[in-house]
Amino acid sequence: MKNRNRSYFKCPNKLIGDDRLSYSARRVGCALFAFCNALGFCRKSYEELARIAGVSASTAASSVRKLEECGYISFAATKRY
């Protein structure tokens, strides 16, 4: 029997069934929950989120704003020096 490494993540059922969110916003939300660390932070760019969720970068950005508006995530802009 092969040892299969499977990764699991918790995604709120409320997020999956929320009618206020578009299908692409739900996909981006699931991608965020899949790649958050132990503290609950996710440091993915819009381009990376778009690639993971299978949407465009502008759709990922608007989905993040919609997820924040609905209270699923809080968004903190970071700067690189």
C-alpha atoms as a PDB file:
ATOM      1  CA  MET A   1       0.000   0.000   0.000  1.00  0.00           C
ATOM      2  CA  LYS A   2       1.388   3.372  -0.985  1.00  0.00           C
ATOM      3  CA  ASN A   3       1.759   6.150   1.532  1.00  0.00           C
ATOM      4  CA  ARG A   4      -0.340   8.967   0.146  1.00  0.00           C
ATOM      5  CA  ASN A   5       0.182  12.431   1.504  1.00  0.00           C
ATOM      6  CA  ARG A   6      -3.141  14.157   1.534  1.00  0.00           C
ATOM      7  CA  SER A   7      -3.629  17.707   2.645  1.00  0.00           C
ATOM      8  CA  TYR A   8      -6.832  18.807   4.270  1.00  0.00           C
ATOM      9  CA  PHE A   9      -8.017  22.246   5.252  1.00  0.00           C
ATOM     10  CA  LYS A  10     -11.044  23.645   6.984  1.00  0.00           C
ATOM     11  CA  CYS A  11     -13.307  25.901   4.981  1.00  0.00           C
ATOM     12  CA  PRO A  12     -16.430  27.294   6.650  1.00  0.00           C
ATOM     13  CA  ASN A  13     -19.647  25.791   5.307  1.00  0.00           C
ATOM     14  CA  LYS A  14     -21.171  29.242   5.565  1.00  0.00           C
ATOM     15  CA  LEU A  15     -18.648  30.525   3.008  1.00  0.00           C
ATOM     16  CA  ILE A  16     -19.475  27.751   0.553  1.00  0.00           C
ATOM     17  CA  GLY A  17     -23.229  28.338   0.751  1.00  0.00           C
ATOM     18  CA  ASP A  18     -23.306  32.139   1.046  1.00  0.00           C
ATOM     19  CA  ASP A  19     -25.558  33.606  -1.654  1.00  0.00           C
ATOM     20  CA  ARG A  20     -23.941  37.051  -1.353  1.00  0.00           C
ATOM     21  CA  LEU A  21     -20.705  35.685  -2.827  1.00  0.00           C
ATOM     22  CA  SER A  22     -20.112  34.842  -6.451  1.00  0.00           C
ATOM     23  CA  TYR A  23     -18.757  31.455  -7.457  1.00  0.00           C
ATOM     24  CA  SER A  24     -15.296  32.911  -8.078  1.00  0.00           C
ATOM     25  CA  ALA A  25     -15.293  34.657  -4.680  1.00  0.00           C
ATOM     26  CA  ARG A  26     -16.033  31.314  -3.036  1.00  0.00           C
ATOM     27  CA  ARG A  27     -13.138  29.736  -4.944  1.00  0.00           C
ATOM     28  CA  VAL A  28     -10.775  32.499  -3.835  1.00  0.00           C
ATOM     29  CA  GLY A  29     -12.042  32.153  -0.252  1.00  0.00           C
ATOM     30  CA  CYS A  30     -11.347  28.426  -0.287  1.00  0.00           C
ATOM     31  CA  ALA A  31      -7.863  29.101  -1.687  1.00  0.00           C
ATOM     32  CA  LEU A  32      -7.204  31.560   1.137  1.00  0.00           C
ATOM     33  CA  PHE A  33      -8.319  29.082   3.772  1.00  0.00           C
ATOM     34  CA  ALA A  34      -6.259  26.320   2.141  1.00  0.00           C
ATOM     35  CA  PHE A  35      -3.016  28.290   2.283  1.00  0.00           C
ATOM     36  CA  CYS A  36      -3.286  30.056   5.635  1.00  0.00           C
ATOM     37  CA  ASN A  37      -0.650  29.280   8.254  1.00  0.00           C
ATOM     38  CA  ALA A  38      -1.157  28.136  11.863  1.00  0.00           C
ATOM     39  CA  LEU A  39      -1.858  31.720  12.958  1.00  0.00           C
ATOM     40  CA  GLY A  40      -4.495  32.204  10.270  1.00  0.00           C
ATOM     41  CA  PHE A  41      -2.456  34.477   7.995  1.00  0.00           C
ATOM     42  CA  CYS A  42      -2.175  34.014   4.246  1.00  0.00           C
ATOM     43  CA  ARG A  43       0.518  35.895   2.355  1.00  0.00           C
ATOM     44  CA  LYS A  44      -0.403  35.235  -1.240  1.00  0.00           C
ATOM     45  CA  SER A  45      -0.430  37.866  -3.944  1.00  0.00           C
ATOM     46  CA  TYR A  46      -3.458  38.434  -6.130  1.00  0.00           C
ATOM     47  CA  GLU A  47      -1.620  36.716  -8.981  1.00  0.00           C
ATOM     48  CA  GLU A  48      -0.926  33.625  -6.864  1.00  0.00           C
ATOM     49  CA  LEU A  49      -4.515  33.506  -5.606  1.00  0.00           C
ATOM     50  CA  ALA A  50      -5.752  33.844  -9.171  1.00  0.00           C
ATOM     51  CA  ARG A  51      -3.575  30.952 -10.326  1.00  0.00           C
ATOM     52  CA  ILE A  52      -4.705  28.715  -7.439  1.00  0.00           C
ATOM     53  CA  ALA A  53      -8.409  29.555  -7.782  1.00  0.00           C
ATOM     54  CA  GLY A  54      -8.433  29.559 -11.584  1.00  0.00           C
ATOM     55  CA  VAL A  55      -9.595  33.159 -11.998  1.00  0.00           C
ATOM     56  CA  SER A  56      -8.004  36.401 -13.229  1.00  0.00           C
ATOM     57  CA  ALA A  57      -5.963  38.662 -10.940  1.00  0.00           C
ATOM     58  CA  SER A  58      -8.574  41.426 -11.058  1.00  0.00           C
ATOM     59  CA  THR A  59     -11.294  38.915 -10.115  1.00  0.00           C
ATOM     60  CA  ALA A  60      -9.122  37.705  -7.227  1.00  0.00           C
ATOM     61  CA  ALA A  61      -8.710  41.297  -6.002  1.00  0.00           C
ATOM     62  CA  SER A  62     -12.436  42.024  -6.159  1.00  0.00           C
ATOM     63  CA  SER A  63     -13.175  38.674  -4.493  1.00  0.00           C
ATOM     64  CA  VAL A  64     -10.860  39.516  -1.604  1.00  0.00           C
ATOM     65  CA  ARG A  65     -12.681  42.838  -1.156  1.00  0.00           C
ATOM     66  CA  LYS A  66     -16.054  41.046  -1.211  1.00  0.00           C
ATOM     67  CA  LEU A  67     -14.859  38.422   1.305  1.00  0.00           C
ATOM     68  CA  GLU A  68     -13.684  41.217   3.602  1.00  0.00           C
ATOM     69  CA  GLU A  69     -16.983  43.059   3.157  1.00  0.00           C
ATOM     70  CA  CYS A  70     -18.934  39.919   4.129  1.00  0.00           C
ATOM     71  CA  GLY A  71     -16.752  39.385   7.212  1.00  0.00           C
ATOM     72  CA  TYR A  72     -14.938  36.183   6.250  1.00  0.00           C
ATOM     73  CA  ILE A  73     -11.449  37.684   6.221  1.00  0.00           C
ATOM     74  CA  SER A  74      -9.690  40.823   7.300  1.00  0.00           C
ATOM     75  CA  PHE A  75      -7.267  42.379   4.848  1.00  0.00           C
ATOM     76  CA  ALA A  76      -3.997  44.051   5.783  1.00  0.00           C
ATOM     77  CA  ALA A  77      -1.909  45.629   3.051  1.00  0.00           C
ATOM     78  CA  THR A  78       1.814  45.032   3.472  1.00  0.00           C
ATOM     79  CA  LYS A  79       4.728  46.933   2.032  1.00  0.00           C
ATOM     80  CA  ARG A  80       8.013  45.572   0.786  1.00  0.00           C
ATOM     81  CA  TYR A  81      11.188  47.555   1.281  1.00  0.00           C
END
